[in-house]
């Protein structure tokens, strides 16, 4: 039987205990060799510039100094052939989409079974990609939702309604919004009720969430009353 070379693994994780546990786990797989560890992205850059180029980098997102996003960007620019598997606790839909847009090979939650980590590493080496079923569901759900939002904005929202939605994300009362828009309060209330039905929401908070998700406002400036 012909021996195969072990998969060269690098690990970027700021929590020392987690990093140590992962190293031991990876070595237990039998076909993986950890060639370097890093506590933040700057150490990844230093190691790879020194010639330690892994087949697969296991990358945490939230690290001090150079975080996962900046590290991924650097790898894309300098070593695009390296497969990057993100291990994260922050696997919300927007985070997953941003990571995939950044070019990661796959996204794994830190709650996965060790056997799935082994499968993911072997899959990216064989096919160039891997994403857990949970991550796939989140991304597909977000893409579908964004498509629905785009259709709603393109086909149904008027400029007046867009203006109303943006003002609904402020601290203004509905009466103050009506004054700002030079519209009778009763007419504004009728428009609000119609939007509740068309957007399938039940409250002002629902309008705010729709405005945020559809890009009408930045999430940081939203403040529904």
N, C-alpha and C. Protein backbone atom coordinates (compact mmCIF):
# COMPACT_ATOMS: atom_id res chain seq x y z
N UNK A 1 0.85 -1.20 0.00
CA UNK A 1 0.00 0.00 0.00
C UNK A 1 0.88 1.25 0.00
N UNK A 2 0.59 2.20 -0.87
CA UNK A 2 1.39 3.41 -0.98
C UNK A 2 0.96 4.41 0.09
N UNK A 3 1.93 4.89 0.87
CA UNK A 3 1.62 5.85 1.92
C UNK A 3 1.32 7.21 1.30
N UNK A 4 0.37 7.90 1.86
CA UNK A 4 0.02 9.24 1.38
C UNK A 4 0.51 10.28 2.37
N UNK A 5 0.86 11.44 1.85
CA UNK A 5 1.33 12.50 2.72
C UNK A 5 0.19 13.04 3.56
N UNK A 6 0.45 13.38 4.83
CA UNK A 6 -0.62 13.94 5.66
C UNK A 6 -1.05 15.31 5.16
N UNK A 7 -2.28 15.64 5.43
CA UNK A 7 -2.80 16.96 5.06
C UNK A 7 -2.17 17.99 5.99
N UNK A 8 -1.57 19.01 5.41
CA UNK A 8 -0.90 20.06 6.18
C UNK A 8 -1.96 21.07 6.67
N UNK A 9 -2.06 21.20 7.98
CA UNK A 9 -3.09 22.04 8.59
C UNK A 9 -2.45 23.20 9.35
N UNK A 10 -3.03 24.37 9.23
CA UNK A 10 -2.68 25.52 10.08
C UNK A 10 -3.92 25.90 10.86
N UNK A 11 -3.71 26.47 12.03
CA UNK A 11 -4.82 26.77 12.93
C UNK A 11 -4.70 28.18 13.47
N UNK A 12 -5.73 29.00 13.24
CA UNK A 12 -5.76 30.37 13.77
C UNK A 12 -6.95 30.49 14.71
N UNK A 13 -6.66 30.54 16.00
CA UNK A 13 -7.69 30.58 17.05
C UNK A 13 -7.09 31.30 18.25
N UNK A 14 -7.77 32.34 18.74
CA UNK A 14 -7.18 33.15 19.80
C UNK A 14 -7.27 32.51 21.18
N UNK A 15 -8.20 31.59 21.39
CA UNK A 15 -8.34 30.96 22.71
C UNK A 15 -7.38 29.77 22.82
N UNK A 16 -6.44 29.89 23.74
CA UNK A 16 -5.36 28.90 23.84
C UNK A 16 -5.89 27.49 24.13
N UNK A 17 -6.85 27.37 25.04
CA UNK A 17 -7.38 26.06 25.40
C UNK A 17 -8.07 25.41 24.19
N UNK A 18 -8.85 26.19 23.46
CA UNK A 18 -9.52 25.70 22.26
C UNK A 18 -8.49 25.28 21.22
N UNK A 19 -7.46 26.09 21.06
CA UNK A 19 -6.41 25.80 20.08
C UNK A 19 -5.70 24.49 20.42
N UNK A 20 -5.38 24.31 21.69
CA UNK A 20 -4.70 23.09 22.13
C UNK A 20 -5.57 21.86 21.89
N UNK A 21 -6.86 21.98 22.19
CA UNK A 21 -7.78 20.86 21.99
C UNK A 21 -7.90 20.51 20.50
N UNK A 22 -7.94 21.52 19.66
CA UNK A 22 -8.05 21.28 18.22
C UNK A 22 -6.79 20.61 17.67
N UNK A 23 -5.64 21.02 18.15
CA UNK A 23 -4.39 20.40 17.70
C UNK A 23 -4.40 18.92 18.03
N UNK A 24 -4.77 18.58 19.26
CA UNK A 24 -4.82 17.17 19.66
C UNK A 24 -5.84 16.40 18.82
N UNK A 25 -6.99 17.03 18.58
CA UNK A 25 -8.03 16.37 17.78
C UNK A 25 -7.53 16.12 16.36
N UNK A 26 -6.92 17.12 15.75
CA UNK A 26 -6.44 16.99 14.37
C UNK A 26 -5.39 15.89 14.25
N UNK A 27 -4.50 15.81 15.22
CA UNK A 27 -3.48 14.76 15.18
C UNK A 27 -4.10 13.38 15.35
N UNK A 28 -5.22 13.31 16.07
CA UNK A 28 -5.88 12.02 16.28
C UNK A 28 -6.52 11.48 15.01
N UNK A 29 -6.74 12.35 14.01
CA UNK A 29 -7.35 11.90 12.76
C UNK A 29 -6.43 10.96 11.98
N UNK A 30 -5.14 11.09 12.21
CA UNK A 30 -4.20 10.18 11.55
C UNK A 30 -3.69 10.65 10.21
N UNK A 31 -4.48 11.46 9.50
CA UNK A 31 -4.07 11.93 8.17
C UNK A 31 -3.85 13.43 8.14
N UNK A 32 -3.73 14.06 9.31
CA UNK A 32 -3.53 15.51 9.40
C UNK A 32 -2.29 15.84 10.22
N UNK A 33 -1.58 16.86 9.79
CA UNK A 33 -0.40 17.34 10.51
C UNK A 33 -0.51 18.85 10.68
N UNK A 34 -0.47 19.32 11.93
CA UNK A 34 -0.54 20.75 12.20
C UNK A 34 0.85 21.34 12.05
N UNK A 35 1.00 22.26 11.08
CA UNK A 35 2.34 22.81 10.80
C UNK A 35 2.58 24.13 11.51
N UNK A 36 1.50 24.82 11.90
CA UNK A 36 1.68 25.98 12.77
C UNK A 36 0.36 26.38 13.41
N UNK A 37 0.48 27.07 14.55
CA UNK A 37 -0.67 27.63 15.25
C UNK A 37 -0.53 29.13 15.31
N UNK A 38 -1.66 29.83 15.36
CA UNK A 38 -1.64 31.30 15.45
C UNK A 38 -2.78 31.75 16.33
N UNK A 39 -2.54 32.85 17.05
CA UNK A 39 -3.56 33.42 17.92
C UNK A 39 -4.30 34.57 17.26
N UNK A 40 -3.79 35.04 16.12
CA UNK A 40 -4.45 36.09 15.34
C UNK A 40 -3.85 36.13 13.95
N UNK A 41 -4.52 36.89 13.06
CA UNK A 41 -4.16 36.86 11.66
C UNK A 41 -2.74 37.27 11.34
N UNK A 42 -2.19 38.20 12.12
CA UNK A 42 -0.82 38.65 11.88
C UNK A 42 0.18 37.52 11.97
N UNK A 43 -0.07 36.59 12.87
CA UNK A 43 0.82 35.44 13.02
C UNK A 43 0.67 34.48 11.85
N UNK A 44 -0.53 34.42 11.26
CA UNK A 44 -0.74 33.61 10.05
C UNK A 44 0.10 34.19 8.91
N UNK A 45 0.04 35.50 8.75
CA UNK A 45 0.80 36.17 7.70
C UNK A 45 2.29 35.90 7.88
N UNK A 46 2.77 36.04 9.12
CA UNK A 46 4.20 35.84 9.40
C UNK A 46 4.62 34.41 9.07
N UNK A 47 3.83 33.44 9.48
CA UNK A 47 4.19 32.03 9.25
C UNK A 47 4.17 31.68 7.77
N UNK A 48 3.16 32.14 7.05
CA UNK A 48 3.05 31.80 5.64
C UNK A 48 4.10 32.52 4.82
N UNK A 49 4.43 33.74 5.18
CA UNK A 49 5.51 34.45 4.50
C UNK A 49 6.87 33.78 4.74
N UNK A 50 6.96 33.04 5.86
CA UNK A 50 8.20 32.31 6.17
C UNK A 50 8.25 30.96 5.49
N UNK A 51 7.22 30.63 4.69
CA UNK A 51 7.25 29.39 3.92
C UNK A 51 6.40 28.26 4.46
N UNK A 52 5.68 28.49 5.56
CA UNK A 52 4.81 27.45 6.10
C UNK A 52 3.43 27.58 5.45
N UNK A 53 3.24 26.93 4.34
CA UNK A 53 2.01 27.05 3.57
C UNK A 53 1.16 25.80 3.78
N UNK A 54 0.02 25.92 4.43
CA UNK A 54 -0.82 24.75 4.71
C UNK A 54 -1.69 24.38 3.51
N UNK A 55 -2.18 23.16 3.54
CA UNK A 55 -3.22 22.79 2.59
C UNK A 55 -4.56 23.40 3.02
N UNK A 56 -4.77 23.37 4.34
CA UNK A 56 -6.03 23.86 4.91
C UNK A 56 -5.73 24.74 6.12
N UNK A 57 -6.37 25.90 6.17
CA UNK A 57 -6.29 26.77 7.34
C UNK A 57 -7.63 26.73 8.05
N UNK A 58 -7.62 26.36 9.34
CA UNK A 58 -8.81 26.47 10.17
C UNK A 58 -8.77 27.83 10.83
N UNK A 59 -9.77 28.65 10.53
CA UNK A 59 -9.72 30.08 10.87
C UNK A 59 -10.88 30.50 11.75
N UNK A 60 -10.57 31.12 12.87
CA UNK A 60 -11.60 31.74 13.70
C UNK A 60 -11.91 33.12 13.12
N UNK A 61 -13.14 33.60 13.34
CA UNK A 61 -13.52 34.91 12.82
C UNK A 61 -13.12 36.02 13.77
N UNK A 62 -13.50 35.88 15.03
CA UNK A 62 -13.28 36.94 16.02
C UNK A 62 -11.96 36.72 16.73
N UNK A 63 -10.95 37.45 16.29
CA UNK A 63 -9.62 37.39 16.91
C UNK A 63 -9.12 38.81 17.13
N UNK A 64 -8.30 39.03 18.15
CA UNK A 64 -7.72 40.36 18.33
C UNK A 64 -6.74 40.68 17.22
N UNK A 65 -6.49 41.96 17.01
CA UNK A 65 -5.55 42.33 15.95
C UNK A 65 -6.17 42.10 14.59
N UNK A 66 -5.57 41.26 13.80
CA UNK A 66 -6.04 40.95 12.44
C UNK A 66 -7.09 39.84 12.54
N UNK A 67 -8.36 40.18 12.28
CA UNK A 67 -9.43 39.21 12.47
C UNK A 67 -9.56 38.27 11.27
N UNK A 68 -10.58 37.42 11.33
CA UNK A 68 -10.76 36.42 10.29
C UNK A 68 -11.03 36.99 8.92
N UNK A 69 -11.81 38.07 8.85
CA UNK A 69 -12.13 38.68 7.56
C UNK A 69 -10.88 39.24 6.89
N UNK A 70 -10.08 39.98 7.65
CA UNK A 70 -8.86 40.55 7.07
C UNK A 70 -7.85 39.47 6.71
N UNK A 71 -7.79 38.42 7.53
CA UNK A 71 -6.90 37.30 7.23
C UNK A 71 -7.31 36.62 5.94
N UNK A 72 -8.61 36.43 5.76
CA UNK A 72 -9.12 35.79 4.55
C UNK A 72 -8.78 36.62 3.32
N UNK A 73 -8.92 37.93 3.44
CA UNK A 73 -8.60 38.82 2.32
C UNK A 73 -7.12 38.71 1.96
N UNK A 74 -6.26 38.67 2.96
CA UNK A 74 -4.82 38.56 2.71
C UNK A 74 -4.49 37.24 2.02
N UNK A 75 -5.10 36.16 2.48
CA UNK A 75 -4.84 34.85 1.88
C UNK A 75 -5.30 34.84 0.42
N UNK A 76 -6.46 35.42 0.16
CA UNK A 76 -6.94 35.49 -1.23
C UNK A 76 -5.95 36.22 -2.12
N UNK A 77 -5.33 37.26 -1.58
CA UNK A 77 -4.40 38.07 -2.37
C UNK A 77 -3.04 37.38 -2.57
N UNK A 78 -2.62 36.56 -1.58
CA UNK A 78 -1.26 36.03 -1.62
C UNK A 78 -1.16 34.52 -1.79
N UNK A 79 -2.11 33.78 -1.24
CA UNK A 79 -2.08 32.31 -1.34
C UNK A 79 -3.48 31.77 -1.61
N UNK A 80 -4.06 32.09 -2.76
CA UNK A 80 -5.44 31.71 -3.05
C UNK A 80 -5.69 30.21 -3.13
N UNK A 81 -4.63 29.42 -3.27
CA UNK A 81 -4.80 27.97 -3.36
C UNK A 81 -5.04 27.32 -2.00
N UNK A 82 -4.80 28.06 -0.93
CA UNK A 82 -5.00 27.51 0.42
C UNK A 82 -6.50 27.43 0.71
N UNK A 83 -6.96 26.26 1.15
CA UNK A 83 -8.36 26.09 1.54
C UNK A 83 -8.56 26.68 2.93
N UNK A 84 -9.61 27.45 3.10
CA UNK A 84 -9.89 28.07 4.40
C UNK A 84 -11.23 27.58 4.92
N UNK A 85 -11.19 26.90 6.05
CA UNK A 85 -12.40 26.48 6.75
C UNK A 85 -12.57 27.36 7.98
N UNK A 86 -13.68 28.06 8.06
CA UNK A 86 -13.94 28.93 9.21
C UNK A 86 -14.65 28.14 10.30
N UNK A 87 -14.13 28.26 11.51
CA UNK A 87 -14.78 27.70 12.69
C UNK A 87 -15.28 28.88 13.52
N UNK A 88 -16.58 28.95 13.71
CA UNK A 88 -17.12 30.14 14.38
C UNK A 88 -18.34 29.83 15.23
N UNK A 89 -18.55 30.65 16.24
CA UNK A 89 -19.78 30.61 17.02
C UNK A 89 -20.79 31.59 16.44
N UNK A 90 -20.32 32.52 15.61
CA UNK A 90 -21.17 33.57 15.05
C UNK A 90 -21.58 33.18 13.64
N UNK A 91 -22.63 32.35 13.55
CA UNK A 91 -23.02 31.83 12.25
C UNK A 91 -24.41 32.31 11.85
N UNK A 92 -24.62 33.62 12.01
CA UNK A 92 -25.86 34.22 11.54
C UNK A 92 -25.84 34.27 10.01
N UNK A 93 -27.01 34.47 9.42
CA UNK A 93 -27.10 34.49 7.96
C UNK A 93 -26.19 35.54 7.33
N UNK A 94 -26.21 36.80 7.79
CA UNK A 94 -25.33 37.80 7.17
C UNK A 94 -23.85 37.46 7.31
N UNK A 95 -23.46 36.89 8.48
CA UNK A 95 -22.07 36.51 8.68
C UNK A 95 -21.65 35.43 7.70
N UNK A 96 -22.51 34.42 7.53
CA UNK A 96 -22.20 33.33 6.60
C UNK A 96 -22.06 33.86 5.18
N UNK A 97 -22.97 34.73 4.78
CA UNK A 97 -22.91 35.27 3.42
C UNK A 97 -21.66 36.11 3.22
N UNK A 98 -21.29 36.90 4.22
CA UNK A 98 -20.09 37.73 4.11
C UNK A 98 -18.84 36.86 4.00
N UNK A 99 -18.79 35.77 4.76
CA UNK A 99 -17.64 34.88 4.71
C UNK A 99 -17.53 34.19 3.36
N UNK A 100 -18.66 33.72 2.85
CA UNK A 100 -18.64 33.08 1.54
C UNK A 100 -18.25 34.06 0.45
N UNK A 101 -18.72 35.29 0.57
CA UNK A 101 -18.32 36.33 -0.39
C UNK A 101 -16.82 36.59 -0.31
N UNK A 102 -16.27 36.45 0.90
CA UNK A 102 -14.83 36.69 1.09
C UNK A 102 -13.98 35.58 0.49
N UNK A 103 -14.61 34.43 0.18
CA UNK A 103 -13.88 33.37 -0.50
C UNK A 103 -13.52 32.17 0.36
N UNK A 104 -14.12 32.03 1.56
CA UNK A 104 -13.79 30.87 2.38
C UNK A 104 -14.26 29.59 1.70
N UNK A 105 -13.56 28.51 1.96
CA UNK A 105 -13.89 27.22 1.37
C UNK A 105 -15.11 26.60 2.05
N UNK A 106 -15.27 26.90 3.32
CA UNK A 106 -16.41 26.36 4.04
C UNK A 106 -16.54 26.98 5.42
N UNK A 107 -17.72 26.82 6.01
CA UNK A 107 -18.02 27.39 7.32
C UNK A 107 -18.54 26.28 8.22
N UNK A 108 -17.96 26.19 9.42
CA UNK A 108 -18.37 25.18 10.39
C UNK A 108 -18.67 25.88 11.72
N UNK A 109 -19.67 25.40 12.42
CA UNK A 109 -19.92 25.91 13.76
C UNK A 109 -19.01 25.16 14.74
N UNK A 110 -18.68 25.81 15.84
CA UNK A 110 -17.81 25.17 16.83
C UNK A 110 -18.53 24.08 17.62
N UNK A 111 -19.83 23.92 17.35
CA UNK A 111 -20.60 22.89 18.04
C UNK A 111 -20.64 21.57 17.28
N UNK A 112 -19.94 21.48 16.15
CA UNK A 112 -20.00 20.26 15.34
C UNK A 112 -19.32 19.09 16.04
N UNK A 113 -19.67 17.89 15.59
CA UNK A 113 -19.02 16.68 16.09
C UNK A 113 -17.62 16.58 15.46
N UNK A 114 -16.64 16.06 16.19
CA UNK A 114 -15.29 15.94 15.62
C UNK A 114 -15.25 15.21 14.28
N UNK A 115 -16.13 14.24 14.08
CA UNK A 115 -16.14 13.50 12.82
C UNK A 115 -16.50 14.41 11.65
N UNK A 116 -17.31 15.45 11.90
CA UNK A 116 -17.66 16.37 10.82
C UNK A 116 -16.46 17.24 10.44
N UNK A 117 -15.64 17.60 11.42
CA UNK A 117 -14.44 18.37 11.10
C UNK A 117 -13.52 17.56 10.19
N UNK A 118 -13.35 16.29 10.50
CA UNK A 118 -12.52 15.41 9.67
C UNK A 118 -13.11 15.31 8.26
N UNK A 119 -14.42 15.14 8.18
CA UNK A 119 -15.10 15.07 6.89
C UNK A 119 -14.91 16.36 6.10
N UNK A 120 -15.02 17.51 6.79
CA UNK A 120 -14.89 18.80 6.12
C UNK A 120 -13.49 18.97 5.53
N UNK A 121 -12.48 18.61 6.29
CA UNK A 121 -11.10 18.74 5.81
C UNK A 121 -10.88 17.85 4.60
N UNK A 122 -11.33 16.62 4.67
CA UNK A 122 -11.16 15.71 3.55
C UNK A 122 -11.97 16.16 2.33
N UNK A 123 -13.14 16.75 2.58
CA UNK A 123 -13.99 17.21 1.48
C UNK A 123 -13.36 18.38 0.74
N UNK A 124 -12.80 19.34 1.48
CA UNK A 124 -12.20 20.49 0.78
C UNK A 124 -10.96 20.07 0.00
N UNK A 125 -10.26 19.06 0.51
CA UNK A 125 -9.10 18.57 -0.24
C UNK A 125 -9.53 17.86 -1.52
N UNK A 126 -10.69 17.19 -1.46
CA UNK A 126 -11.14 16.42 -2.62
C UNK A 126 -11.96 17.24 -3.61
N UNK A 127 -12.80 18.15 -3.08
CA UNK A 127 -13.75 18.86 -3.95
C UNK A 127 -13.57 20.37 -3.95
N UNK A 128 -12.80 20.91 -2.98
CA UNK A 128 -12.59 22.35 -2.93
C UNK A 128 -13.62 23.10 -2.13
N UNK A 129 -14.59 22.39 -1.50
CA UNK A 129 -15.58 23.10 -0.70
C UNK A 129 -16.25 22.17 0.29
N UNK A 130 -16.79 22.77 1.36
CA UNK A 130 -17.62 22.05 2.32
C UNK A 130 -18.38 23.06 3.16
N UNK A 131 -19.66 22.81 3.34
CA UNK A 131 -20.45 23.60 4.28
C UNK A 131 -21.44 22.67 4.96
N UNK A 132 -21.60 22.85 6.27
CA UNK A 132 -22.52 22.01 7.02
C UNK A 132 -23.95 22.26 6.55
N UNK A 133 -24.82 21.29 6.79
CA UNK A 133 -26.22 21.42 6.39
C UNK A 133 -26.86 22.64 7.04
N UNK A 134 -26.51 22.90 8.30
CA UNK A 134 -27.09 24.04 9.01
C UNK A 134 -26.70 25.35 8.34
N UNK A 135 -25.43 25.47 7.95
CA UNK A 135 -24.95 26.69 7.29
C UNK A 135 -25.62 26.83 5.93
N UNK A 136 -25.73 25.74 5.19
CA UNK A 136 -26.37 25.80 3.87
C UNK A 136 -27.81 26.30 3.98
N UNK A 137 -28.53 25.81 4.97
CA UNK A 137 -29.92 26.23 5.17
C UNK A 137 -29.99 27.72 5.45
N UNK A 138 -29.05 28.23 6.29
CA UNK A 138 -29.06 29.64 6.63
C UNK A 138 -28.80 30.50 5.39
N UNK A 139 -27.81 30.13 4.61
CA UNK A 139 -27.45 30.93 3.44
C UNK A 139 -28.55 30.89 2.39
N UNK A 140 -29.09 29.70 2.14
CA UNK A 140 -30.18 29.58 1.16
C UNK A 140 -31.39 30.39 1.61
N UNK A 141 -31.69 30.33 2.91
CA UNK A 141 -32.81 31.10 3.44
C UNK A 141 -32.62 32.59 3.27
N UNK A 142 -31.38 33.05 3.51
CA UNK A 142 -31.10 34.48 3.37
C UNK A 142 -31.17 34.91 1.91
N UNK A 143 -30.63 34.10 1.01
CA UNK A 143 -30.68 34.44 -0.41
C UNK A 143 -32.12 34.53 -0.90
N UNK A 144 -32.95 33.59 -0.48
CA UNK A 144 -34.35 33.62 -0.87
C UNK A 144 -35.04 34.85 -0.30
N UNK A 145 -34.72 35.17 0.97
CA UNK A 145 -35.33 36.33 1.59
C UNK A 145 -34.92 37.61 0.87
N UNK A 146 -33.62 37.72 0.53
CA UNK A 146 -33.15 38.90 -0.18
C UNK A 146 -33.79 39.04 -1.55
N UNK A 147 -34.03 37.91 -2.21
CA UNK A 147 -34.71 37.94 -3.50
C UNK A 147 -36.14 38.45 -3.35
N UNK A 148 -36.80 38.01 -2.27
CA UNK A 148 -38.17 38.47 -2.01
C UNK A 148 -38.18 39.97 -1.73
N UNK A 149 -37.20 40.42 -0.93
CA UNK A 149 -37.12 41.85 -0.63
C UNK A 149 -36.91 42.67 -1.90
N UNK A 150 -36.03 42.16 -2.76
CA UNK A 150 -35.74 42.88 -4.00
C UNK A 150 -37.00 42.99 -4.86
N UNK A 151 -37.76 41.89 -4.94
CA UNK A 151 -38.99 41.92 -5.73
C UNK A 151 -39.99 42.89 -5.15
N UNK A 152 -40.12 42.90 -3.81
CA UNK A 152 -41.05 43.83 -3.16
C UNK A 152 -40.66 45.27 -3.45
N UNK A 153 -39.36 45.57 -3.31
CA UNK A 153 -38.90 46.94 -3.52
C UNK A 153 -39.08 47.37 -4.98
N UNK A 154 -38.79 46.44 -5.90
CA UNK A 154 -38.87 46.80 -7.31
C UNK A 154 -40.31 46.93 -7.79
N UNK A 155 -41.18 46.08 -7.27
CA UNK A 155 -42.52 45.97 -7.83
C UNK A 155 -43.62 46.69 -7.07
N UNK A 156 -43.43 46.95 -5.80
CA UNK A 156 -44.56 47.44 -5.02
C UNK A 156 -44.31 48.72 -4.22
N UNK A 157 -43.10 48.99 -3.82
CA UNK A 157 -42.87 50.14 -2.95
C UNK A 157 -42.75 51.43 -3.76
N UNK A 158 -43.55 52.42 -3.37
CA UNK A 158 -43.46 53.74 -3.99
C UNK A 158 -42.43 54.58 -3.23
N UNK A 159 -42.06 55.70 -3.78
CA UNK A 159 -41.12 56.59 -3.11
C UNK A 159 -41.69 57.08 -1.79
N UNK A 160 -43.00 57.32 -1.77
CA UNK A 160 -43.64 57.77 -0.52
C UNK A 160 -43.55 56.69 0.54
N UNK A 161 -43.76 55.43 0.14
CA UNK A 161 -43.69 54.32 1.10
C UNK A 161 -42.27 54.11 1.60
N UNK A 162 -41.30 54.26 0.70
CA UNK A 162 -39.90 54.14 1.12
C UNK A 162 -39.56 55.23 2.12
N UNK A 163 -40.02 56.46 1.87
CA UNK A 163 -39.80 57.57 2.78
C UNK A 163 -40.43 57.27 4.14
N UNK A 164 -41.63 56.74 4.13
CA UNK A 164 -42.32 56.40 5.37
C UNK A 164 -41.55 55.32 6.14
N UNK A 165 -41.07 54.30 5.43
CA UNK A 165 -40.33 53.22 6.10
C UNK A 165 -39.06 53.75 6.76
N UNK A 166 -38.37 54.65 6.08
CA UNK A 166 -37.16 55.21 6.66
C UNK A 166 -37.46 56.05 7.90
N UNK A 167 -38.52 56.84 7.82
CA UNK A 167 -38.89 57.65 8.98
C UNK A 167 -39.40 56.78 10.13
N UNK A 168 -39.97 55.62 9.81
CA UNK A 168 -40.45 54.71 10.85
C UNK A 168 -39.30 54.14 11.66
N UNK A 169 -38.10 54.21 11.11
CA UNK A 169 -36.91 53.72 11.81
C UNK A 169 -36.30 54.78 12.73
N UNK A 170 -36.90 55.94 12.75
CA UNK A 170 -36.42 57.02 13.62
C UNK A 170 -37.19 57.02 14.93
N UNK A 171 -36.93 58.03 15.75
CA UNK A 171 -37.64 58.15 17.03
C UNK A 171 -38.91 58.98 16.91
N UNK A 172 -39.26 59.37 15.70
CA UNK A 172 -40.47 60.16 15.50
C UNK A 172 -41.72 59.33 15.77
N UNK A 173 -42.74 59.96 16.34
CA UNK A 173 -44.03 59.30 16.46
C UNK A 173 -44.70 59.29 15.10
N UNK A 174 -45.78 58.50 14.98
CA UNK A 174 -46.50 58.48 13.71
C UNK A 174 -47.07 59.87 13.39
N UNK A 175 -47.51 60.59 14.40
CA UNK A 175 -48.04 61.93 14.18
C UNK A 175 -46.95 62.85 13.63
N UNK A 176 -45.74 62.73 14.21
CA UNK A 176 -44.62 63.56 13.75
C UNK A 176 -44.18 63.15 12.34
N UNK A 177 -44.26 61.86 12.04
CA UNK A 177 -43.94 61.39 10.69
C UNK A 177 -44.93 61.98 9.68
N UNK A 178 -46.22 62.00 10.05
CA UNK A 178 -47.24 62.56 9.16
C UNK A 178 -46.96 64.03 8.89
N UNK A 179 -46.56 64.78 9.92
CA UNK A 179 -46.23 66.18 9.75
C UNK A 179 -45.01 66.35 8.84
N UNK A 180 -44.01 65.51 9.06
CA UNK A 180 -42.79 65.58 8.25
C UNK A 180 -43.09 65.31 6.78
N UNK A 181 -44.02 64.40 6.55
CA UNK A 181 -44.36 64.01 5.18
C UNK A 181 -45.49 64.86 4.59
N UNK A 182 -45.96 65.84 5.37
CA UNK A 182 -47.09 66.69 4.94
C UNK A 182 -48.29 65.85 4.51
N UNK A 183 -48.62 64.90 5.35
CA UNK A 183 -49.68 63.95 5.05
C UNK A 183 -50.64 63.88 6.23
N UNK A 184 -51.95 63.82 6.00
CA UNK A 184 -52.89 63.65 7.10
C UNK A 184 -52.59 62.37 7.87
N UNK A 185 -52.70 62.41 9.18
CA UNK A 185 -52.39 61.25 10.00
C UNK A 185 -53.20 60.03 9.57
N UNK A 186 -54.49 60.27 9.24
CA UNK A 186 -55.36 59.16 8.85
C UNK A 186 -54.83 58.48 7.57
N UNK A 187 -54.35 59.27 6.63
CA UNK A 187 -53.80 58.70 5.39
C UNK A 187 -52.53 57.91 5.67
N UNK A 188 -51.71 58.44 6.57
CA UNK A 188 -50.49 57.73 6.93
C UNK A 188 -50.82 56.40 7.61
N UNK A 189 -51.80 56.40 8.47
CA UNK A 189 -52.20 55.16 9.16
C UNK A 189 -52.73 54.13 8.18
N UNK A 190 -53.45 54.58 7.16
CA UNK A 190 -53.94 53.66 6.14
C UNK A 190 -52.79 53.05 5.36
N UNK A 191 -51.79 53.87 5.02
CA UNK A 191 -50.61 53.37 4.31
C UNK A 191 -49.86 52.37 5.19
N UNK A 192 -49.75 52.67 6.46
CA UNK A 192 -49.07 51.75 7.39
C UNK A 192 -49.77 50.39 7.42
N UNK A 193 -51.09 50.40 7.53
CA UNK A 193 -51.84 49.14 7.58
C UNK A 193 -51.70 48.35 6.29
N UNK A 194 -51.66 49.04 5.18
CA UNK A 194 -51.47 48.36 3.89
C UNK A 194 -50.08 47.72 3.80
N UNK A 195 -49.09 48.42 4.33
CA UNK A 195 -47.73 47.87 4.34
C UNK A 195 -47.63 46.67 5.27
N UNK A 196 -48.32 46.72 6.39
CA UNK A 196 -48.34 45.57 7.30
C UNK A 196 -48.77 44.31 6.53
N UNK A 197 -49.81 44.44 5.72
CA UNK A 197 -50.34 43.29 4.98
C UNK A 197 -49.37 42.86 3.87
N UNK A 198 -48.90 43.83 3.07
CA UNK A 198 -48.06 43.50 1.93
C UNK A 198 -46.69 42.96 2.32
N UNK A 199 -46.14 43.48 3.43
CA UNK A 199 -44.82 43.04 3.87
C UNK A 199 -44.88 41.89 4.86
N UNK A 200 -46.10 41.50 5.23
CA UNK A 200 -46.32 40.40 6.16
C UNK A 200 -45.65 40.67 7.51
N UNK A 201 -45.88 41.87 8.04
CA UNK A 201 -45.39 42.23 9.38
C UNK A 201 -46.58 42.71 10.21
N UNK A 202 -46.38 42.79 11.51
CA UNK A 202 -47.50 43.10 12.39
C UNK A 202 -47.28 44.33 13.28
N UNK A 203 -46.12 44.95 13.19
CA UNK A 203 -45.81 46.05 14.09
C UNK A 203 -44.79 46.98 13.48
N UNK A 204 -44.53 48.09 14.17
CA UNK A 204 -43.51 49.03 13.71
C UNK A 204 -42.13 48.38 13.72
N UNK A 205 -41.90 47.51 14.69
CA UNK A 205 -40.63 46.80 14.73
C UNK A 205 -40.45 45.96 13.46
N UNK A 206 -41.56 45.35 13.01
CA UNK A 206 -41.50 44.59 11.77
C UNK A 206 -41.13 45.46 10.58
N UNK A 207 -41.66 46.69 10.55
CA UNK A 207 -41.30 47.62 9.47
C UNK A 207 -39.82 47.97 9.53
N UNK A 208 -39.32 48.17 10.75
CA UNK A 208 -37.91 48.51 10.92
C UNK A 208 -37.02 47.37 10.44
N UNK A 209 -37.37 46.15 10.83
CA UNK A 209 -36.58 44.99 10.41
C UNK A 209 -36.58 44.84 8.89
N UNK A 210 -37.74 45.07 8.28
CA UNK A 210 -37.81 45.01 6.82
C UNK A 210 -36.89 46.06 6.21
N UNK A 211 -36.94 47.28 6.73
CA UNK A 211 -36.11 48.36 6.18
C UNK A 211 -34.63 48.05 6.32
N UNK A 212 -34.26 47.44 7.45
CA UNK A 212 -32.86 47.07 7.66
C UNK A 212 -32.41 45.99 6.70
N UNK A 213 -33.24 44.94 6.59
CA UNK A 213 -32.85 43.80 5.76
C UNK A 213 -32.85 44.13 4.28
N UNK A 214 -33.69 45.08 3.89
CA UNK A 214 -33.76 45.43 2.47
C UNK A 214 -32.78 46.53 2.09
N UNK A 215 -31.99 47.00 3.07
CA UNK A 215 -30.98 48.00 2.77
C UNK A 215 -31.48 49.43 2.69
N UNK A 216 -32.71 49.67 3.15
CA UNK A 216 -33.23 51.04 3.13
C UNK A 216 -32.52 51.92 4.15
N UNK A 217 -32.07 51.30 5.24
CA UNK A 217 -31.31 52.03 6.26
C UNK A 217 -30.19 51.15 6.75
N UNK A 218 -29.22 51.76 7.44
CA UNK A 218 -28.17 51.01 8.10
C UNK A 218 -28.67 50.53 9.43
N UNK A 219 -28.41 49.26 9.83
CA UNK A 219 -28.89 48.74 11.11
C UNK A 219 -28.49 49.60 12.30
N UNK A 220 -27.33 50.23 12.26
CA UNK A 220 -26.83 50.99 13.40
C UNK A 220 -27.63 52.25 13.69
N UNK A 221 -28.40 52.73 12.69
CA UNK A 221 -29.13 53.98 12.93
C UNK A 221 -30.61 53.74 13.15
N UNK A 222 -31.02 52.46 13.18
CA UNK A 222 -32.42 52.17 13.39
C UNK A 222 -32.80 52.36 14.84
N UNK A 223 -33.95 52.97 15.08
CA UNK A 223 -34.41 53.14 16.45
C UNK A 223 -35.90 53.29 16.49
N UNK A 224 -36.61 52.17 16.43
CA UNK A 224 -38.06 52.23 16.44
C UNK A 224 -38.59 52.62 17.80
N UNK A 225 -39.68 53.35 17.78
CA UNK A 225 -40.27 53.78 19.04
C UNK A 225 -41.21 52.72 19.54
